[in-house]
Protein backbone atom coordinates (compact mmCIF):
# COMPACT_ATOMS: atom_id res chain seq x y z
CA SER A 1 0.00 0.00 0.00
CA ASN A 2 1.23 3.49 -0.81
CA THR A 3 0.01 4.77 2.58
CA GLU A 4 2.63 2.80 4.55
CA LYS A 5 5.22 5.56 4.10
CA CYS A 6 2.99 8.62 4.01
CA PRO A 7 4.69 11.38 6.07
CA VAL A 8 3.19 12.37 9.41
CA GLY A 9 0.93 15.42 9.13
CA HIS A 10 -0.16 14.22 5.69
CA TYR A 11 -2.42 11.74 3.95
CA CYS A 12 -1.74 9.89 0.71
CA PRO A 13 -4.83 9.40 -1.48
CA LEU A 14 -5.26 5.86 -2.72
CA GLY A 15 -3.71 5.32 -6.12
CA THR A 16 -1.19 8.14 -5.74
CA TYR A 17 2.24 8.58 -4.21
CA LEU A 18 1.84 12.31 -3.62
CA PRO A 19 1.35 13.21 0.05
CA GLU A 20 -1.19 15.94 0.80
CA GLU A 21 -1.08 18.00 4.01
CA CYS A 22 -3.73 17.38 6.62
CA PRO A 23 -5.93 20.50 6.45
CA ALA A 24 -5.36 23.37 8.88
CA GLY A 25 -7.21 22.66 12.13
CA THR A 26 -6.33 18.95 11.97
CA TRP A 27 -3.26 16.78 12.56
CA SER A 28 -1.94 13.24 12.14
CA ILE A 29 0.93 11.35 13.73
CA LEU A 30 0.07 8.17 11.81
CA MET A 31 1.70 7.30 8.50
CA THR A 32 -1.25 5.31 7.13
CA ARG A 33 -3.86 7.98 6.32
CA ASP A 34 -5.41 7.88 2.85
CA ASN A 35 -7.91 10.77 3.05
CA ALA A 36 -8.29 14.13 4.82
CA GLN A 37 -11.22 12.87 6.91
CA GLN A 38 -8.79 10.54 8.71
CA CYS A 39 -6.77 13.49 10.04
CA GLN A 40 -7.71 14.19 13.67
CA ASN A 41 -9.36 17.42 14.84
CA CYS A 42 -7.00 19.78 16.64
CA THR A 43 -7.75 19.75 20.37
CA ALA A 44 -8.75 22.78 22.44
CA GLY A 45 -5.75 24.58 23.96
CA HIS A 46 -3.78 23.96 20.76
CA PHE A 47 -3.49 25.07 17.12
CA CYS A 48 -2.70 23.04 14.02
CA PRO A 49 -1.46 24.65 10.77
CA ALA A 50 -1.79 22.53 7.62
CA GLY A 51 0.54 19.51 7.71
CA THR A 52 0.73 19.30 11.53
CA ALA A 53 2.10 16.03 12.95
CA ASP A 54 1.52 16.97 16.62
CA PRO A 55 -0.69 19.87 17.83
CA TYR A 56 1.12 23.03 18.96
CA ALA A 57 0.18 24.24 22.45
CA CYS A 58 -1.22 27.73 22.98
CA ALA A 59 1.55 29.68 24.70
CA PRO A 60 1.56 30.75 28.36
CA GLY A 61 -0.42 33.98 28.62
CA SER A 62 -3.12 32.59 26.32
CA PHE A 63 -5.82 29.90 26.27
CA SER A 64 -8.38 28.35 23.92
CA ASN A 65 -11.53 26.40 24.70
CA GLN A 66 -12.25 25.86 21.00
CA PRO A 67 -11.10 22.86 18.94
CA ASN A 68 -9.81 23.02 15.35
CA ASN A 69 -7.69 26.18 15.74
CA MET A 70 -5.46 26.73 12.71
CA MET A 71 -3.00 29.40 13.93
CA PRO A 72 -1.57 30.84 17.17
CA ALA A 73 -3.67 34.01 16.79
CA GLN A 74 -6.72 31.83 17.54
CA CYS A 75 -5.42 31.31 21.08
CA ASP A 76 -7.17 33.98 23.18
CA PRO A 77 -5.12 36.38 25.35
CA CYS A 78 -5.52 35.70 29.05
CA THR A 79 -8.56 37.40 30.59
CA ALA A 80 -7.73 40.56 32.59
CA GLY A 81 -7.36 39.78 36.29
CA ARG A 82 -6.85 36.05 35.64
CA ALA A 83 -3.69 33.97 35.27
CA CYS A 84 -2.58 31.84 32.32
CA PRO A 85 0.84 30.61 33.50
CA LEU A 86 0.93 27.32 31.57
CA GLN A 87 0.71 26.32 27.94
CA ALA A 88 -2.29 24.53 26.39
CA LEU A 89 -4.82 25.99 28.82
CA LEU A 90 -8.53 25.62 28.11
CA ALA A 91 -9.44 28.54 30.41
CA PRO A 92 -7.69 31.13 32.61
CA SER A 93 -7.22 30.23 36.28
CA GLN A 94 -9.05 32.12 39.01
């Protein structure tokens, strides 16, 4: 099968040997994907540009309670008066 060596962050459509990036907002660590629907949704607290093999955490000072973020700008700045000391937060701390 051509999908056995498909690069992480990509899928390889059946019948081709050309890897395609998992769409922005999704990711894949597996090397056996053959369509974009098999790429996993990016988890809340993270962002996933196209071709992501492992979700990137929202940086300290930010958070995100929404899945499928595509870029770091989709991580929300910490709410005034709250703390966001860690990466990949879903919500600011009290």
